[in-house]
Amino acid sequence: MALSEVLFLPDNKKITVRPGTTLLDAGRKARVNIRTRCGAKAACLMCKVQVTDASGLAPMNVNERLKLGSQADEGYRLACQARVIGQVQVTVPEDPLKAAIRAQLARQAEDDDLF
């Protein structure tokens, strides 16, 4: 059985996994932080990731498609549901709290530059 390779961006971490592994499990193995709260049951929708070429993933199941709605057509997948079957590149969105803190620190740095 051939192994599959997953590249997680923006961390630039690459991991080799067995086909059928979920992106969430691959991310954990690669030490990539993919947020989740529901125990991989497709309930919290926190594990959304973006994939530009989904050919390295198994097709969406009905539950995942229903949960994602129109975002499914924009390349989003639920990491807890998407199963790797080939090579795939995944973009993990920045944690909203980290993004807010980073934005606040940037604003403070700009304010400091003014004085």
Protein backbone atom coordinates (compact mmCIF):
# COMPACT_ATOMS: atom_id res chain seq x y z
CA MET A 1 0.00 0.00 0.00
CA ALA A 2 1.43 3.35 -1.04
CA LEU A 3 1.65 6.09 1.56
CA SER A 4 0.16 9.54 1.07
CA GLU A 5 1.84 12.87 1.70
CA VAL A 6 0.16 15.89 3.29
CA LEU A 7 1.66 19.38 3.32
CA PHE A 8 0.22 21.75 5.93
CA LEU A 9 0.46 25.47 5.26
CA PRO A 10 1.36 28.04 6.53
CA ASP A 11 3.44 25.86 8.89
CA ASN A 12 5.13 24.18 5.91
CA LYS A 13 5.01 20.82 7.70
CA LYS A 14 4.96 17.69 5.59
CA ILE A 15 3.83 14.30 6.85
CA THR A 16 3.45 10.86 5.31
CA VAL A 17 0.36 8.91 6.35
CA ARG A 18 -1.58 5.81 5.39
CA PRO A 19 -4.45 6.34 2.94
CA GLY A 20 -7.71 6.75 4.83
CA THR A 21 -6.16 8.89 7.59
CA THR A 22 -8.20 12.00 8.36
CA LEU A 23 -6.59 15.41 7.91
CA LEU A 24 -7.17 16.00 11.62
CA ASP A 25 -5.17 12.90 12.56
CA ALA A 26 -2.47 13.76 10.01
CA GLY A 27 -2.28 17.27 11.48
CA ARG A 28 -1.90 15.92 15.00
CA LYS A 29 0.85 13.58 13.84
CA ALA A 30 2.62 16.53 12.16
CA ARG A 31 2.09 18.71 15.27
CA VAL A 32 -0.08 21.17 13.35
CA ASN A 33 -2.72 22.84 15.49
CA ILE A 34 -6.14 22.27 13.94
CA ARG A 35 -8.84 23.51 16.29
CA THR A 36 -11.68 21.15 17.24
CA ARG A 37 -14.12 20.82 20.09
CA CYS A 38 -16.56 18.05 19.14
CA GLY A 39 -14.28 15.00 19.21
CA ALA A 40 -14.16 14.67 15.40
CA LYS A 41 -17.92 14.28 14.97
CA ALA A 42 -18.41 17.11 12.42
CA ALA A 43 -20.47 19.03 14.95
CA CYS A 44 -18.41 22.11 15.90
CA LEU A 45 -17.12 23.07 12.40
CA MET A 46 -13.94 24.46 14.00
CA CYS A 47 -11.64 22.16 12.02
CA LYS A 48 -12.35 23.79 8.64
CA VAL A 49 -9.30 23.80 6.38
CA GLN A 50 -8.88 24.88 2.77
CA VAL A 51 -7.65 22.63 -0.02
CA THR A 52 -6.85 23.96 -3.49
CA ASP A 53 -6.78 20.53 -5.14
CA ALA A 54 -9.02 17.95 -3.50
CA SER A 55 -7.89 15.09 -5.76
CA GLY A 56 -5.73 13.77 -2.89
CA LEU A 57 -8.79 13.46 -0.64
CA ALA A 58 -11.69 11.03 -0.66
CA PRO A 59 -14.97 12.62 -1.83
CA MET A 60 -17.04 14.40 0.81
CA ASN A 61 -19.60 12.38 2.67
CA VAL A 62 -23.16 13.72 2.83
CA ASN A 63 -22.77 15.00 6.40
CA GLU A 64 -19.64 17.02 5.56
CA ARG A 65 -21.27 18.54 2.46
CA LEU A 66 -24.38 19.52 4.43
CA LYS A 67 -22.33 21.08 7.24
CA LEU A 68 -20.11 23.10 4.90
CA GLY A 69 -22.85 24.25 2.53
CA SER A 70 -21.52 26.71 -0.08
CA GLN A 71 -18.06 26.64 1.53
CA ALA A 72 -17.65 23.14 0.10
CA ASP A 73 -17.53 24.73 -3.36
CA GLU A 74 -14.81 27.15 -2.16
CA GLY A 75 -12.39 24.33 -1.31
CA TYR A 76 -13.17 24.00 2.39
CA ARG A 77 -13.15 20.62 4.08
CA LEU A 78 -13.67 19.47 7.65
CA ALA A 79 -10.34 18.05 8.80
CA CYS A 80 -12.14 15.50 10.99
CA GLN A 81 -14.02 14.09 7.99
CA ALA A 82 -11.66 14.52 5.01
CA ARG A 83 -9.69 11.35 4.38
CA VAL A 84 -6.34 11.37 2.60
CA ILE A 85 -6.00 9.14 -0.47
CA GLY A 86 -3.05 10.79 -2.22
CA GLN A 87 -0.86 13.89 -2.17
CA VAL A 88 -2.61 16.93 -0.73
CA GLN A 89 -1.77 20.48 0.31
CA VAL A 90 -3.87 21.93 3.13
CA THR A 91 -4.08 25.52 4.39
CA VAL A 92 -4.98 25.73 8.08
CA PRO A 93 -6.63 29.06 8.94
CA GLU A 94 -5.09 31.10 11.74
CA ASP A 95 -6.73 30.67 15.12
CA PRO A 96 -9.14 33.65 15.54
CA LEU A 97 -7.80 34.50 19.01
CA LYS A 98 -4.21 34.49 17.78
CA ALA A 99 -5.23 36.64 14.80
CA ALA A 100 -6.92 39.17 17.11
CA ILE A 101 -3.88 39.34 19.40
CA ARG A 102 -1.52 39.73 16.41
CA ALA A 103 -3.68 42.55 15.02
CA GLN A 104 -3.76 44.30 18.41
CA LEU A 105 0.02 44.04 18.78
CA ALA A 106 0.47 45.46 15.26
CA ARG A 107 -1.80 48.41 16.12
CA GLN A 108 0.15 49.05 19.33
CA ALA A 109 3.42 48.97 17.39
CA GLU A 110 2.03 51.53 14.92
CA ASP A 111 0.89 53.75 17.81
CA ASP A 112 4.32 53.49 19.42
CA ASP A 113 5.91 54.61 16.15
CA LEU A 114 3.82 57.77 16.20
CA PHE A 115 5.26 58.97 19.51
